[in-house]
Protein backbone atom coordinates (compact mmCIF):
# COMPACT_ATOMS: atom_id res chain seq x y z
CA MET A 1 139.41 109.97 94.79
CA ARG A 2 138.22 113.20 96.39
CA ASN A 3 137.70 116.30 94.28
CA PHE A 4 140.82 118.13 93.16
CA GLU A 5 140.06 121.17 95.32
CA LEU A 6 142.45 123.56 93.59
CA GLU A 7 141.14 122.75 90.13
CA VAL A 8 137.51 122.92 91.30
CA PHE A 9 138.24 126.36 92.72
CA PHE A 10 140.03 127.51 89.58
CA SER A 11 137.30 126.09 87.37
CA GLU A 12 134.95 128.58 89.01
CA TRP A 13 137.24 131.58 89.49
CA GLU A 14 140.38 131.50 87.34
CA PHE A 15 138.79 133.16 84.32
CA LYS A 16 136.08 135.01 86.23
CA ALA A 17 138.07 136.95 88.83
CA LYS A 18 139.29 140.36 87.67
CA TYR A 19 142.75 140.07 89.25
CA HIS A 20 144.58 136.75 89.33
CA LEU A 21 147.01 137.20 92.24
CA THR A 22 147.51 133.50 92.85
CA ALA A 23 148.63 132.17 89.46
CA SER A 24 151.23 129.43 89.79
CA ASP A 25 152.86 129.91 86.39
CA MET A 26 155.08 132.52 84.81
CA GLN A 27 153.78 135.15 82.42
CA SER A 28 152.88 133.45 79.15
CA MET A 29 153.85 134.65 75.70
CA SER A 30 151.94 134.71 72.43
CA MET A 31 152.48 132.31 69.56
CA LYS A 32 153.92 135.25 67.61
CA ASP A 33 156.49 136.00 70.33
CA LEU A 34 157.57 132.37 70.62
CA LEU A 35 157.91 131.91 66.87
CA ALA A 36 159.96 135.10 66.74
CA MET A 37 162.63 133.17 68.69
CA ALA A 38 162.68 130.39 66.11
CA THR A 39 165.17 130.03 63.29
CA ASP A 40 163.91 130.10 59.71
CA GLU A 41 164.26 126.33 59.59
CA GLU A 42 162.23 125.89 62.81
CA ARG A 43 159.45 128.15 61.53
CA GLU A 44 159.33 126.18 58.31
CA GLN A 45 159.18 122.94 60.30
CA PHE A 46 156.23 124.29 62.27
CA GLU A 47 154.34 125.67 59.27
CA ASN A 48 154.74 122.44 57.28
CA LEU A 49 154.10 120.12 60.21
CA TRP A 50 152.29 116.89 59.44
CA LEU A 51 149.31 116.66 61.82
CA GLY A 52 149.21 112.93 62.26
CA TYR A 53 149.90 110.77 65.31
CA THR A 54 153.18 111.36 67.10
CA GLN A 55 155.52 109.00 68.94
CA THR A 56 154.32 107.94 72.39
CA TRP A 57 157.73 108.70 73.90
CA GLY A 58 157.73 112.18 72.41
CA LEU A 59 159.40 113.85 69.44
CA PRO A 60 163.01 112.55 69.38
CA GLU A 61 164.47 116.05 68.90
CA LEU A 62 162.41 117.30 71.83
CA ARG A 63 163.56 114.48 74.10
CA THR A 64 167.15 115.23 73.13
CA GLU A 65 166.69 118.90 74.01
CA ILE A 66 165.01 118.02 77.32
CA ALA A 67 167.94 115.73 78.18
CA LYS A 68 170.26 118.73 77.81
CA THR A 69 168.56 120.30 80.84
CA TYR A 70 170.02 117.45 82.94
CA ASP A 71 173.67 116.74 83.74
CA THR A 72 173.83 112.99 83.20
CA LEU A 73 170.86 111.93 81.05
CA SER A 74 170.17 111.18 77.41
CA ALA A 75 167.00 111.15 75.32
CA ASP A 76 166.51 107.49 76.28
CA ASN A 77 165.88 108.63 79.87
CA ILE A 78 162.99 110.95 78.91
CA LEU A 79 159.27 110.19 78.47
CA CYS A 80 156.96 113.04 77.44
CA PHE A 81 153.39 113.55 78.67
CA ALA A 82 150.43 115.84 78.10
CA GLY A 83 151.39 118.14 80.97
CA ALA A 84 152.75 117.31 84.42
CA GLU A 85 149.46 115.98 85.76
CA GLU A 86 149.46 113.04 83.36
CA GLY A 87 153.00 112.30 84.48
CA ILE A 88 152.02 112.22 88.15
CA TYR A 89 148.97 110.06 87.48
CA THR A 90 150.84 107.64 85.26
CA ALA A 91 153.76 107.24 87.66
CA MET A 92 151.60 106.56 90.70
CA LYS A 93 149.21 104.22 88.90
CA SER A 94 151.92 102.20 87.19
CA MET A 95 154.41 102.01 90.08
CA LEU A 96 152.18 101.41 93.11
CA ASP A 97 149.83 98.67 94.26
CA GLU A 98 147.69 98.15 97.34
CA GLU A 99 150.51 96.48 99.30
CA ASP A 100 152.78 99.53 99.07
CA HIS A 101 153.35 102.55 101.30
CA VAL A 102 154.18 106.10 100.19
CA ILE A 103 155.57 109.13 102.04
CA VAL A 104 154.48 112.57 100.83
CA ILE A 105 155.54 116.01 102.01
CA VAL A 106 152.71 118.38 103.02
CA PRO A 107 151.67 120.92 101.82
CA ASN A 108 152.05 119.87 98.23
CA TYR A 109 150.24 119.79 94.91
CA GLN A 110 147.14 117.77 95.83
CA ALA A 111 147.63 115.08 93.19
CA ALA A 112 150.82 114.04 94.98
CA GLU A 113 148.77 112.62 97.85
CA THR A 114 145.30 112.03 96.41
CA ILE A 115 146.38 109.69 93.62
CA PRO A 116 148.59 107.47 95.83
CA LEU A 117 145.83 107.43 98.46
CA SER A 118 143.50 105.86 95.90
CA ILE A 119 145.96 102.96 95.68
CA CYS A 120 147.74 102.34 98.98
CA ASP A 121 148.67 103.66 102.44
CA VAL A 122 150.21 107.13 102.48
CA THR A 123 151.95 109.04 105.27
CA GLY A 124 152.24 112.82 105.24
CA ILE A 125 155.34 114.58 106.58
CA PRO A 126 154.87 118.31 107.20
CA LEU A 127 157.07 121.13 106.08
CA ASP A 128 157.48 123.02 109.35
CA SER A 129 155.59 126.33 109.16
CA GLU A 130 157.32 127.49 112.35
CA ASN A 131 160.81 126.72 111.02
CA ASP A 132 160.96 128.30 107.56
CA TRP A 133 159.06 125.35 106.04
CA ASN A 134 162.03 123.02 106.56
CA LEU A 135 161.68 119.28 106.06
CA ASP A 136 162.78 117.13 109.01
CA ILE A 137 164.61 114.19 107.47
CA ASP A 138 164.46 112.35 110.79
CA ARG A 139 160.64 112.43 110.56
CA VAL A 140 160.87 110.93 107.09
CA MET A 141 163.08 108.18 108.48
CA GLY A 142 160.65 107.60 111.33
CA ALA A 143 157.79 107.15 108.87
CA LEU A 144 159.51 104.37 106.92
CA ARG A 145 157.87 100.96 106.81
CA PRO A 146 159.13 97.67 105.39
CA ASN A 147 156.78 98.21 102.43
CA THR A 148 157.63 101.87 101.75
CA LYS A 149 157.93 102.07 97.96
CA LEU A 150 158.21 105.77 97.20
CA ILE A 151 158.90 109.20 98.71
CA SER A 152 157.27 112.15 96.96
CA ILE A 153 158.84 115.62 97.20
CA ASN A 154 158.31 119.01 95.55
CA PHE A 155 161.03 121.70 95.59
CA PRO A 156 160.76 124.60 94.92
CA ASN A 157 157.58 123.83 96.78
CA ASN A 158 154.03 124.72 95.83
CA PRO A 159 152.68 126.64 97.74
CA THR A 160 155.49 127.74 100.09
CA GLY A 161 158.34 128.39 97.63
CA LYS A 162 160.69 126.45 99.92
CA ILE A 163 163.80 124.75 98.52
CA ILE A 164 165.35 121.95 100.56
CA SER A 165 169.02 122.43 101.39
CA HIS A 166 171.71 120.55 99.47
CA GLN A 167 172.65 118.78 102.70
CA ASP A 168 169.11 117.60 103.43
CA LEU A 169 168.60 116.48 99.84
CA ASN A 170 171.73 114.34 100.07
CA LYS A 171 170.49 112.87 103.36
CA LEU A 172 167.18 112.02 101.73
CA VAL A 173 168.89 110.31 98.81
CA ASP A 174 171.16 108.35 101.16
CA LEU A 175 168.09 107.25 103.13
CA ALA A 176 166.20 106.18 100.02
CA ARG A 177 169.22 104.32 98.64
CA GLU A 178 169.76 102.46 101.93
CA PHE A 179 166.19 101.17 101.94
CA ASP A 180 165.79 100.81 98.15
CA ILE A 181 163.01 103.41 97.84
CA TYR A 182 162.06 105.48 94.82
CA ILE A 183 162.03 109.27 95.05
CA PHE A 184 159.48 111.08 92.90
CA SER A 185 160.55 114.72 92.64
CA ASP A 186 158.26 117.44 91.29
CA GLU A 187 160.74 119.96 89.85
CA VAL A 188 158.42 122.13 87.77
CA TYR A 189 159.85 125.39 89.21
CA ARG A 190 163.49 124.53 88.71
CA GLY A 191 165.29 127.28 86.86
CA ILE A 192 163.44 130.19 88.43
CA GLU A 193 165.05 130.24 91.86
CA LEU A 194 165.19 133.77 93.30
CA ASP A 195 168.66 132.92 94.61
CA PRO A 196 170.47 130.69 92.11
CA ALA A 197 172.78 129.49 94.90
CA LYS A 198 169.83 127.59 96.38
CA ARG A 199 169.20 125.58 93.21
CA ILE A 200 169.47 121.87 93.97
CA PRO A 201 170.36 118.98 91.63
CA GLN A 202 167.59 117.19 89.82
CA ILE A 203 166.84 113.87 91.45
CA ALA A 204 167.21 111.88 88.21
CA ASP A 205 170.79 113.10 87.94
CA ILE A 206 171.89 112.09 91.42
CA TYR A 207 169.84 108.98 92.27
CA GLU A 208 169.43 105.85 90.21
CA LYS A 209 165.87 105.34 91.50
CA GLY A 210 164.89 108.99 91.21
CA LEU A 211 162.13 110.28 88.92
CA SER A 212 162.21 113.97 87.96
CA LEU A 213 158.96 115.59 86.85
CA ASN A 214 158.99 118.77 84.79
CA VAL A 215 156.74 120.68 82.39
CA MET A 216 156.62 123.65 80.04
CA SER A 217 153.84 125.21 82.14
CA LYS A 218 155.48 126.74 85.20
CA ALA A 219 159.06 128.01 84.89
CA TYR A 220 158.72 128.51 81.13
CA GLY A 221 155.25 130.06 81.34
CA LEU A 222 153.81 127.96 78.52
CA PRO A 223 150.95 125.92 80.03
CA GLY A 224 148.96 126.11 76.81
CA LEU A 225 151.43 123.75 75.17
CA ARG A 226 150.50 120.91 77.56
CA ILE A 227 153.92 119.25 77.36
CA GLY A 228 155.55 117.67 80.41
CA TRP A 229 157.99 114.85 81.03
CA ILE A 230 159.48 112.41 83.50
CA ALA A 231 163.22 111.74 83.50
CA THR A 232 164.83 108.74 85.17
CA LYS A 233 167.79 106.38 84.81
CA ASP A 234 165.51 103.45 85.65
CA ASN A 235 164.53 102.46 82.13
CA ASP A 236 162.36 99.55 83.30
CA VAL A 237 160.18 101.99 85.22
CA LEU A 238 160.13 104.37 82.27
CA LEU A 239 158.99 101.57 79.96
CA ASN A 240 156.13 100.71 82.33
CA LEU A 241 155.08 104.37 82.34
CA GLU A 242 155.11 104.40 78.54
CA ARG A 243 152.90 101.31 78.47
CA TYR A 244 150.43 102.95 80.85
CA LYS A 245 150.34 106.12 78.75
CA HIS A 246 148.85 104.03 75.93
CA PHE A 247 145.60 103.99 77.93
CA LEU A 248 145.60 107.77 78.41
CA THR A 249 146.72 110.27 75.77
CA ILE A 250 148.64 107.72 73.63
CA CYS A 251 150.79 110.53 72.23
CA ASN A 252 151.31 114.27 72.44
CA SER A 253 150.20 117.20 70.29
CA ALA A 254 152.53 117.57 67.30
CA PRO A 255 152.36 121.42 67.21
CA SER A 256 153.00 121.56 70.95
CA GLU A 257 156.07 119.38 70.65
CA VAL A 258 157.64 121.59 68.00
CA LEU A 259 156.78 124.77 69.90
CA SER A 260 158.24 123.27 73.09
CA LEU A 261 161.40 122.40 71.18
CA ILE A 262 161.73 126.04 70.06
CA ALA A 263 161.17 127.26 73.63
CA LEU A 264 163.72 124.88 75.13
CA ARG A 265 166.33 125.89 72.57
CA ASN A 266 165.77 129.43 73.84
CA ARG A 267 165.46 128.42 77.49
CA ASN A 268 168.24 130.64 78.83
CA LYS A 269 166.61 133.77 77.41
CA ILE A 270 163.14 132.74 78.62
CA LEU A 271 164.27 131.78 82.12
CA ASP A 272 166.45 134.89 82.52
CA ASN A 273 163.48 137.11 81.64
CA ASN A 274 161.23 135.18 84.00
CA VAL A 275 163.66 135.38 86.91
CA LYS A 276 163.91 139.15 86.42
CA LEU A 277 160.12 139.46 86.51
CA LEU A 278 159.98 137.25 89.62
CA ASN A 279 162.55 139.31 91.49
CA ASP A 280 160.83 142.58 90.57
CA ASN A 281 157.46 141.27 91.72
CA ALA A 282 158.91 139.72 94.88
CA GLU A 283 160.37 143.09 95.81
CA LYS A 284 156.98 144.72 95.29
CA LEU A 285 155.26 142.08 97.42
CA GLY A 286 157.83 142.49 100.18
CA LYS A 287 157.23 146.24 100.34
CA PHE A 288 153.47 145.74 100.20
CA PHE A 289 153.28 143.26 103.08
CA ALA A 290 155.74 145.34 105.11
CA GLU A 291 153.17 148.15 105.16
CA PHE A 292 150.74 145.89 107.02
CA PRO A 293 152.81 144.10 109.70
CA ASP A 294 149.73 143.60 111.88
CA LEU A 295 147.95 141.73 109.10
CA PHE A 296 150.64 139.67 107.37
CA LYS A 297 153.91 137.85 107.91
CA TRP A 298 155.78 137.54 104.62
CA SER A 299 158.92 135.54 104.01
CA GLN A 300 160.29 135.70 100.50
CA PRO A 301 160.18 132.27 98.83
CA ASP A 302 163.38 130.55 97.73
CA GLY A 303 162.07 129.85 94.26
CA GLY A 304 159.07 129.30 92.05
CA ALA A 305 156.23 131.65 91.24
CA VAL A 306 154.16 131.32 94.43
CA GLY A 307 154.46 132.30 98.09
CA TYR A 308 152.52 131.46 101.25
CA PRO A 309 152.20 134.49 103.56
CA LYS A 310 150.66 134.16 107.00
CA TYR A 311 147.46 136.02 107.76
CA LEU A 312 147.47 137.72 111.19
CA GLY A 313 144.28 139.78 110.92
CA PRO A 314 140.75 139.39 112.30
CA GLY A 315 138.64 136.40 111.37
CA THR A 316 140.05 133.42 109.50
CA ALA A 317 142.30 133.40 106.48
CA ASN A 318 139.59 131.59 104.53
CA GLU A 319 137.11 134.36 105.34
CA PHE A 320 139.66 137.02 104.43
CA CYS A 321 140.33 135.48 101.01
CA ALA A 322 136.61 135.18 100.29
CA ASP A 323 135.90 138.78 101.30
CA LEU A 324 138.80 140.14 99.25
CA LEU A 325 137.55 138.30 96.17
CA ASP A 326 133.95 139.37 96.70
CA LYS A 327 134.71 143.07 97.19
CA THR A 328 137.59 143.59 94.76
CA GLY A 329 137.86 140.67 92.34
CA VAL A 330 141.39 139.95 93.63
CA LEU A 331 141.91 136.19 93.64
CA ILE A 332 144.21 134.55 96.20
CA LEU A 333 144.11 130.91 97.28
CA PRO A 334 142.57 130.25 100.72
CA PRO A 335 144.23 127.68 103.02
CA ARG A 336 141.29 125.28 102.71
CA ILE A 337 142.56 124.48 99.21
CA TYR A 338 145.65 122.94 100.82
CA ASN A 339 143.78 120.75 103.29
CA SER A 340 145.32 117.31 103.49
CA GLU A 341 143.71 113.94 104.16
CA LEU A 342 146.94 112.85 105.84
CA ILE A 343 147.72 115.50 108.47
CA SER A 344 146.46 118.87 109.62
CA THR A 345 147.69 121.83 107.58
CA PRO A 346 148.14 125.48 108.62
CA GLN A 347 144.89 127.40 108.21
CA ASP A 348 146.43 130.85 108.56
CA HIS A 349 148.32 131.04 105.25
CA PHE A 350 147.16 131.92 101.75
CA ARG A 351 148.84 131.54 98.37
CA VAL A 352 149.91 134.44 96.22
CA GLY A 353 151.41 134.20 92.75
CA PHE A 354 154.01 136.65 91.52
CA GLY A 355 155.12 135.30 88.18
CA ARG A 356 152.85 137.37 85.98
CA SER A 357 152.75 140.98 84.85
CA GLY A 358 150.24 143.51 86.19
CA MET A 359 151.45 143.32 89.80
CA ASP A 360 151.23 147.09 90.37
CA GLU A 361 147.54 147.28 89.52
CA MET A 362 146.65 144.21 91.58
CA LEU A 363 148.52 145.46 94.64
CA ASP A 364 146.94 148.89 94.29
CA VAL A 365 143.47 147.37 94.44
CA PHE A 366 144.55 145.14 97.34
CA TYR A 367 146.03 148.15 99.16
CA HIS A 368 142.85 150.21 98.95
CA TYR A 369 140.81 147.25 100.18
CA LEU A 370 142.99 146.93 103.26
CA LYS A 371 142.88 150.66 103.96
CA LYS A 372 139.10 150.65 103.66
CA ASN A 373 138.46 147.46 105.58
CA GLY A 374 141.44 147.33 107.96
């Protein structure tokens, strides 16, 4: 597999850059703040936790609480992982073989195409940058082959923030059902839609061969817990994933499971606070980019903590991102990070993150850079 370009980039810059204006997660909280949400019984459970091996499937109470975030599932439909990345890797490696074909939307989180590409043929279908990043379901249909095994989607999308319409999601499910194809749906930003009316159902709730991926990292802002999960009604697939996990992490961190349980029991409070922060920061970004109409085209994302503005200025977007980082310490993701091995990707967009605090200071530094160098 090729290098994971985003993680290589972050390995160098995430903790070195002075201003992280491209973070993909929500503002994190401290252990103290999270435990303050716990009941006395939950704090006692955490403080007296036995630090032995845990169950491969995940803490039963945690799986039960995760199932409550779905409309039609139970704990038996949930398998926990050490973050979302392990879930992606495990699903692709256990479900696919060299005779299969996969369809992946582009742009996307790189693992969604790189891991399947290490196994079988993969076709990329673009989100249309000239049409509000919409997905053309007819193009998905046109890419089907007799051996198409899986369609991989990600909404709210990273990096564009696009959410597919309810109508198009239903069309995609109908298409997959007709041809007996799995849908793997990365739903890590669900719950932090800027417009709740655009929230779509989770694929595991509405399709019997749908796999829903989620994690504590993004919408909940708790990546340090390293707890993710896959939900599906296909228990045979879920069992195969559990068997594959035995060769990876085996089981999850016991403290992380209990802390995730506390967070999920307080999910409404956490998500409400995060959506408020997102909307405040999105408003600030909108006003900021509006001051420089000759340099940027900004469309507010539908959901998630990232957006993908278009760069209209001199030079390339990659050069612009590098110069901004060099002169100010403001980190944004250049378009080269979202290069695809499947199809060409727009090279005039860059990723910003707006889920964390400190937006005023970062935009002030960014503003003075543009005034000085514009």
